[in-house]
N, C-alpha and C. Protein backbone atom coordinates (compact mmCIF):
# COMPACT_ATOMS: atom_id res chain seq x y z
N MET A 1 45.38 68.41 13.62
CA MET A 1 44.87 67.08 13.91
C MET A 1 43.39 67.18 14.31
N PHE A 2 42.61 66.28 13.75
CA PHE A 2 41.18 66.25 14.02
C PHE A 2 40.83 64.98 14.77
N THR A 3 39.93 65.10 15.73
CA THR A 3 39.29 63.91 16.26
C THR A 3 38.25 63.49 15.24
N LEU A 4 37.72 62.29 15.37
CA LEU A 4 36.66 61.86 14.46
C LEU A 4 35.46 62.80 14.56
N ALA A 5 35.08 63.18 15.77
CA ALA A 5 33.94 64.09 15.96
C ALA A 5 34.19 65.43 15.28
N GLN A 6 35.41 65.95 15.39
CA GLN A 6 35.74 67.22 14.74
C GLN A 6 35.70 67.08 13.22
N ALA A 7 36.22 65.98 12.70
CA ALA A 7 36.19 65.75 11.24
C ALA A 7 34.75 65.68 10.75
N ARG A 8 33.91 64.99 11.48
CA ARG A 8 32.50 64.89 11.10
C ARG A 8 31.81 66.25 11.14
N HIS A 9 32.07 67.01 12.18
CA HIS A 9 31.46 68.34 12.28
C HIS A 9 31.94 69.25 11.15
N LEU A 10 33.25 69.25 10.91
CA LEU A 10 33.80 70.08 9.84
C LEU A 10 33.23 69.67 8.49
N MET A 11 33.12 68.37 8.24
CA MET A 11 32.57 67.90 6.98
C MET A 11 31.14 68.42 6.80
N ALA A 12 30.36 68.41 7.86
CA ALA A 12 28.99 68.91 7.77
C ALA A 12 28.98 70.40 7.43
N THR A 13 29.90 71.16 7.99
CA THR A 13 29.92 72.59 7.69
C THR A 13 30.49 72.87 6.29
N LEU A 14 31.35 71.98 5.81
CA LEU A 14 31.94 72.16 4.48
C LEU A 14 31.05 71.65 3.35
N ARG A 15 29.99 70.97 3.69
CA ARG A 15 29.17 70.32 2.66
C ARG A 15 28.74 71.26 1.53
N PRO A 16 28.31 72.51 1.82
CA PRO A 16 27.96 73.40 0.71
C PRO A 16 29.13 73.67 -0.24
N ARG A 17 30.34 73.79 0.30
CA ARG A 17 31.51 74.01 -0.55
C ARG A 17 31.83 72.77 -1.38
N VAL A 18 31.67 71.61 -0.78
CA VAL A 18 31.92 70.36 -1.51
C VAL A 18 30.87 70.19 -2.61
N ASP A 19 29.62 70.51 -2.31
CA ASP A 19 28.58 70.45 -3.34
C ASP A 19 28.89 71.41 -4.48
N GLU A 20 29.41 72.58 -4.15
CA GLU A 20 29.82 73.54 -5.18
C GLU A 20 30.95 72.97 -6.02
N LEU A 21 31.91 72.33 -5.38
CA LEU A 21 33.02 71.69 -6.10
C LEU A 21 32.50 70.66 -7.09
N ILE A 22 31.53 69.87 -6.68
CA ILE A 22 30.96 68.84 -7.56
C ILE A 22 30.25 69.49 -8.74
N ARG A 23 29.49 70.55 -8.50
CA ARG A 23 28.81 71.27 -9.60
C ARG A 23 29.82 71.88 -10.57
N LEU A 24 30.85 72.52 -10.02
CA LEU A 24 31.87 73.13 -10.87
C LEU A 24 32.58 72.08 -11.72
N ARG A 25 32.91 70.97 -11.11
CA ARG A 25 33.58 69.87 -11.82
C ARG A 25 32.72 69.40 -12.99
N ALA A 26 31.43 69.22 -12.75
CA ALA A 26 30.52 68.74 -13.80
C ALA A 26 30.38 69.78 -14.91
N ASP A 27 30.20 71.05 -14.54
CA ASP A 27 30.09 72.11 -15.55
C ASP A 27 31.35 72.20 -16.39
N LEU A 28 32.49 72.11 -15.74
CA LEU A 28 33.76 72.20 -16.46
C LEU A 28 33.94 71.02 -17.41
N ALA A 29 33.60 69.83 -16.97
CA ALA A 29 33.72 68.65 -17.84
C ALA A 29 32.80 68.79 -19.05
N GLU A 30 31.57 69.22 -18.81
CA GLU A 30 30.61 69.36 -19.92
C GLU A 30 31.06 70.46 -20.89
N LEU A 31 31.50 71.58 -20.36
CA LEU A 31 31.94 72.67 -21.21
C LEU A 31 33.16 72.26 -22.04
N ARG A 32 34.11 71.61 -21.44
CA ARG A 32 35.29 71.15 -22.19
C ARG A 32 34.90 70.15 -23.29
N ALA A 33 33.97 69.24 -22.98
CA ALA A 33 33.54 68.26 -23.97
C ALA A 33 32.84 68.96 -25.14
N ASP A 34 31.99 69.92 -24.82
CA ASP A 34 31.29 70.67 -25.88
C ASP A 34 32.27 71.43 -26.76
N LEU A 35 33.23 72.08 -26.15
CA LEU A 35 34.17 72.88 -26.92
C LEU A 35 35.12 72.00 -27.74
N ALA A 36 35.41 70.80 -27.25
CA ALA A 36 36.27 69.88 -28.00
C ALA A 36 35.51 69.23 -29.15
N GLY A 37 34.19 69.10 -29.00
CA GLY A 37 33.37 68.46 -30.04
C GLY A 37 32.80 69.50 -30.99
N PRO A 38 31.55 69.86 -30.77
CA PRO A 38 30.91 70.79 -31.70
C PRO A 38 31.45 72.21 -31.64
N GLY A 39 32.17 72.55 -30.58
CA GLY A 39 32.78 73.88 -30.49
C GLY A 39 31.89 74.94 -29.87
N VAL A 40 30.67 74.58 -29.52
CA VAL A 40 29.76 75.53 -28.86
C VAL A 40 29.14 74.85 -27.65
N SER A 41 28.78 75.67 -26.67
CA SER A 41 28.18 75.13 -25.46
C SER A 41 27.23 76.15 -24.85
N PRO A 42 26.12 75.68 -24.30
CA PRO A 42 25.24 76.62 -23.59
C PRO A 42 25.91 77.15 -22.32
N LEU A 43 27.01 76.52 -21.91
CA LEU A 43 27.72 76.97 -20.72
C LEU A 43 28.75 78.06 -21.01
N GLY A 44 28.99 78.34 -22.28
CA GLY A 44 29.91 79.42 -22.64
C GLY A 44 31.04 78.96 -23.52
N GLY A 45 32.14 79.66 -23.39
CA GLY A 45 33.31 79.40 -24.23
C GLY A 45 34.58 79.32 -23.41
N ARG A 46 35.68 79.68 -24.04
CA ARG A 46 37.00 79.57 -23.38
C ARG A 46 37.09 80.44 -22.11
N ALA A 47 36.50 81.62 -22.14
CA ALA A 47 36.54 82.48 -20.95
C ALA A 47 35.83 81.82 -19.77
N GLU A 48 34.72 81.13 -20.04
CA GLU A 48 33.99 80.45 -18.98
C GLU A 48 34.77 79.24 -18.45
N VAL A 49 35.54 78.59 -19.33
CA VAL A 49 36.42 77.50 -18.88
C VAL A 49 37.39 78.05 -17.83
N LYS A 50 38.03 79.16 -18.15
CA LYS A 50 39.00 79.76 -17.23
C LYS A 50 38.32 80.19 -15.93
N ALA A 51 37.12 80.73 -16.02
CA ALA A 51 36.40 81.17 -14.82
C ALA A 51 36.03 79.96 -13.95
N LEU A 52 35.56 78.89 -14.57
CA LEU A 52 35.22 77.68 -13.81
C LEU A 52 36.46 77.07 -13.16
N GLU A 53 37.57 77.03 -13.90
CA GLU A 53 38.82 76.52 -13.33
C GLU A 53 39.24 77.34 -12.13
N ALA A 54 39.14 78.66 -12.23
CA ALA A 54 39.53 79.53 -11.12
C ALA A 54 38.63 79.30 -9.91
N ARG A 55 37.33 79.16 -10.13
CA ARG A 55 36.41 78.92 -9.01
C ARG A 55 36.68 77.56 -8.38
N LEU A 56 36.95 76.55 -9.21
CA LEU A 56 37.23 75.22 -8.70
C LEU A 56 38.49 75.25 -7.82
N HIS A 57 39.53 75.91 -8.29
CA HIS A 57 40.77 76.02 -7.52
C HIS A 57 40.55 76.82 -6.23
N ALA A 58 39.69 77.82 -6.27
CA ALA A 58 39.39 78.60 -5.06
C ALA A 58 38.70 77.74 -4.00
N VAL A 59 37.78 76.89 -4.43
CA VAL A 59 37.11 76.00 -3.47
C VAL A 59 38.12 75.03 -2.87
N ILE A 60 38.99 74.48 -3.68
CA ILE A 60 40.02 73.56 -3.18
C ILE A 60 40.92 74.29 -2.19
N GLU A 61 41.30 75.50 -2.50
CA GLU A 61 42.13 76.29 -1.59
C GLU A 61 41.40 76.56 -0.28
N ASP A 62 40.10 76.83 -0.33
CA ASP A 62 39.31 77.02 0.89
C ASP A 62 39.39 75.77 1.78
N LEU A 63 39.33 74.60 1.16
CA LEU A 63 39.41 73.35 1.92
C LEU A 63 40.80 73.18 2.53
N HIS A 64 41.83 73.51 1.77
CA HIS A 64 43.20 73.42 2.28
C HIS A 64 43.40 74.38 3.46
N GLN A 65 42.74 75.52 3.44
CA GLN A 65 42.90 76.51 4.51
C GLN A 65 42.43 76.00 5.87
N VAL A 66 41.54 75.01 5.87
CA VAL A 66 41.08 74.43 7.14
C VAL A 66 41.72 73.07 7.37
N ASP A 67 42.86 72.84 6.71
CA ASP A 67 43.68 71.64 6.90
C ASP A 67 43.03 70.35 6.41
N VAL A 68 42.11 70.46 5.48
CA VAL A 68 41.53 69.29 4.84
C VAL A 68 42.39 68.96 3.61
N GLN A 69 42.73 67.70 3.46
CA GLN A 69 43.52 67.26 2.31
C GLN A 69 42.57 66.82 1.20
N VAL A 70 42.67 67.46 0.05
CA VAL A 70 41.85 67.09 -1.11
C VAL A 70 42.68 66.10 -1.91
N LYS A 71 42.25 64.83 -1.89
CA LYS A 71 43.01 63.78 -2.56
C LYS A 71 42.49 63.50 -3.97
N GLY A 72 41.30 63.98 -4.27
CA GLY A 72 40.75 63.78 -5.60
C GLY A 72 39.50 64.61 -5.77
N ILE A 73 39.16 64.90 -7.03
CA ILE A 73 37.93 65.66 -7.29
C ILE A 73 36.95 64.89 -8.17
N ALA A 74 37.36 63.73 -8.69
CA ALA A 74 36.44 62.94 -9.51
C ALA A 74 36.67 61.46 -9.23
N PRO A 75 36.12 60.93 -8.19
CA PRO A 75 35.20 61.54 -7.24
C PRO A 75 35.95 62.36 -6.19
N VAL A 76 35.20 63.20 -5.48
CA VAL A 76 35.80 64.01 -4.42
C VAL A 76 36.22 63.07 -3.28
N LEU A 77 37.45 63.20 -2.87
CA LEU A 77 38.00 62.41 -1.77
C LEU A 77 38.72 63.37 -0.83
N LEU A 78 38.24 63.43 0.41
CA LEU A 78 38.81 64.33 1.40
C LEU A 78 39.36 63.54 2.57
N ASP A 79 40.52 63.95 3.06
CA ASP A 79 41.13 63.35 4.23
C ASP A 79 41.33 64.41 5.31
N PHE A 80 41.08 63.99 6.55
CA PHE A 80 41.22 64.85 7.71
C PHE A 80 42.29 64.21 8.61
N PRO A 81 43.46 64.82 8.76
CA PRO A 81 44.51 64.22 9.59
C PRO A 81 44.05 64.06 11.04
N GLY A 82 44.35 62.90 11.61
CA GLY A 82 43.97 62.65 12.98
C GLY A 82 44.83 61.56 13.59
N GLU A 83 44.33 61.01 14.68
CA GLU A 83 45.04 59.95 15.38
C GLU A 83 44.03 58.93 15.89
N ARG A 84 44.41 57.67 15.80
CA ARG A 84 43.57 56.58 16.32
C ARG A 84 44.50 55.56 16.97
N ASP A 85 44.22 55.22 18.19
CA ASP A 85 45.03 54.26 18.94
C ASP A 85 46.52 54.62 18.92
N GLY A 86 46.81 55.92 19.01
CA GLY A 86 48.19 56.37 19.06
C GLY A 86 48.91 56.43 17.74
N ARG A 87 48.22 56.14 16.65
CA ARG A 87 48.85 56.17 15.31
C ARG A 87 48.23 57.30 14.48
N PRO A 88 49.05 57.92 13.64
CA PRO A 88 48.50 58.91 12.73
C PRO A 88 47.59 58.23 11.70
N VAL A 89 46.42 58.80 11.51
CA VAL A 89 45.47 58.29 10.53
C VAL A 89 44.90 59.45 9.74
N LEU A 90 44.20 59.10 8.70
CA LEU A 90 43.42 60.08 7.94
C LEU A 90 41.97 59.62 7.98
N TRP A 91 41.11 60.46 8.54
CA TRP A 91 39.67 60.21 8.51
C TRP A 91 39.22 60.54 7.09
N CYS A 92 38.47 59.65 6.46
CA CYS A 92 38.18 59.77 5.02
C CYS A 92 36.70 60.05 4.75
N TRP A 93 36.49 60.90 3.78
CA TRP A 93 35.16 61.11 3.23
C TRP A 93 35.28 61.00 1.72
N LEU A 94 34.47 60.13 1.12
CA LEU A 94 34.45 59.92 -0.32
C LEU A 94 33.09 60.35 -0.84
N GLU A 95 33.09 61.05 -1.96
CA GLU A 95 31.83 61.49 -2.57
C GLU A 95 30.82 60.35 -2.56
N GLY A 96 29.64 60.63 -2.06
CA GLY A 96 28.60 59.62 -1.94
C GLY A 96 28.42 59.16 -0.50
N ASP A 97 29.46 59.33 0.33
CA ASP A 97 29.35 58.98 1.75
C ASP A 97 28.42 59.97 2.43
N THR A 98 27.67 59.48 3.40
CA THR A 98 26.79 60.37 4.16
C THR A 98 27.50 61.00 5.34
N ASP A 99 28.65 60.44 5.72
CA ASP A 99 29.37 60.91 6.89
C ASP A 99 30.84 60.50 6.75
N VAL A 100 31.68 61.03 7.62
CA VAL A 100 33.06 60.57 7.69
C VAL A 100 33.01 59.24 8.45
N GLY A 101 33.05 58.16 7.72
CA GLY A 101 32.87 56.85 8.33
C GLY A 101 34.01 55.89 8.07
N TRP A 102 35.12 56.40 7.54
CA TRP A 102 36.27 55.56 7.20
C TRP A 102 37.54 56.23 7.69
N TYR A 103 38.58 55.44 7.81
CA TYR A 103 39.91 55.96 8.13
C TYR A 103 40.93 55.02 7.52
N HIS A 104 42.15 55.50 7.43
CA HIS A 104 43.27 54.62 7.10
C HIS A 104 44.52 55.19 7.72
N ARG A 105 45.45 54.29 8.02
CA ARG A 105 46.75 54.75 8.51
C ARG A 105 47.41 55.55 7.41
N VAL A 106 48.16 56.54 7.80
CA VAL A 106 48.79 57.45 6.85
C VAL A 106 49.63 56.68 5.83
N GLU A 107 50.41 55.71 6.30
CA GLU A 107 51.32 55.01 5.39
C GLU A 107 50.62 53.98 4.51
N CYS A 108 49.35 53.69 4.77
CA CYS A 108 48.64 52.66 3.99
C CYS A 108 47.85 53.23 2.81
N GLY A 109 47.54 54.50 2.84
CA GLY A 109 46.79 55.11 1.76
C GLY A 109 45.38 54.56 1.63
N PHE A 110 44.73 54.91 0.53
CA PHE A 110 43.32 54.56 0.30
C PHE A 110 43.10 53.05 0.38
N ALA A 111 44.07 52.28 -0.07
CA ALA A 111 43.93 50.81 -0.05
C ALA A 111 43.76 50.26 1.37
N GLY A 112 44.18 51.03 2.36
CA GLY A 112 44.07 50.60 3.75
C GLY A 112 42.83 51.11 4.46
N ARG A 113 41.88 51.65 3.70
CA ARG A 113 40.66 52.20 4.32
C ARG A 113 39.91 51.14 5.09
N ARG A 114 39.44 51.55 6.26
CA ARG A 114 38.62 50.68 7.12
C ARG A 114 37.45 51.49 7.64
N PRO A 115 36.33 50.82 7.88
CA PRO A 115 35.22 51.54 8.51
C PRO A 115 35.61 51.93 9.94
N VAL A 116 35.09 53.05 10.38
CA VAL A 116 35.39 53.55 11.73
C VAL A 116 34.85 52.57 12.76
């Protein structure tokens, strides 16, 4: 369980890994599109697809190791389990956010997001 302050601090320390996840996602999408179309890519071939997939999964696993829930990668959506007013919540960070500034009750999901 994270307090809001802990979620914010952890997000700041994880930012380089999240930025890496975003780069890997973009490289993988471009490489797959190139290989499906013209069949060649400056990013490589099938071996590079597998290497990018492995690196992407490793970054996701790193996030899971610190109890961060990865809810999506396009866009990146991270949830930090916590509590607010005695109820279980998830502190939310969505790609493009400058900080962990949202939360939702666990049972409400993304549709229940509210600003902190």
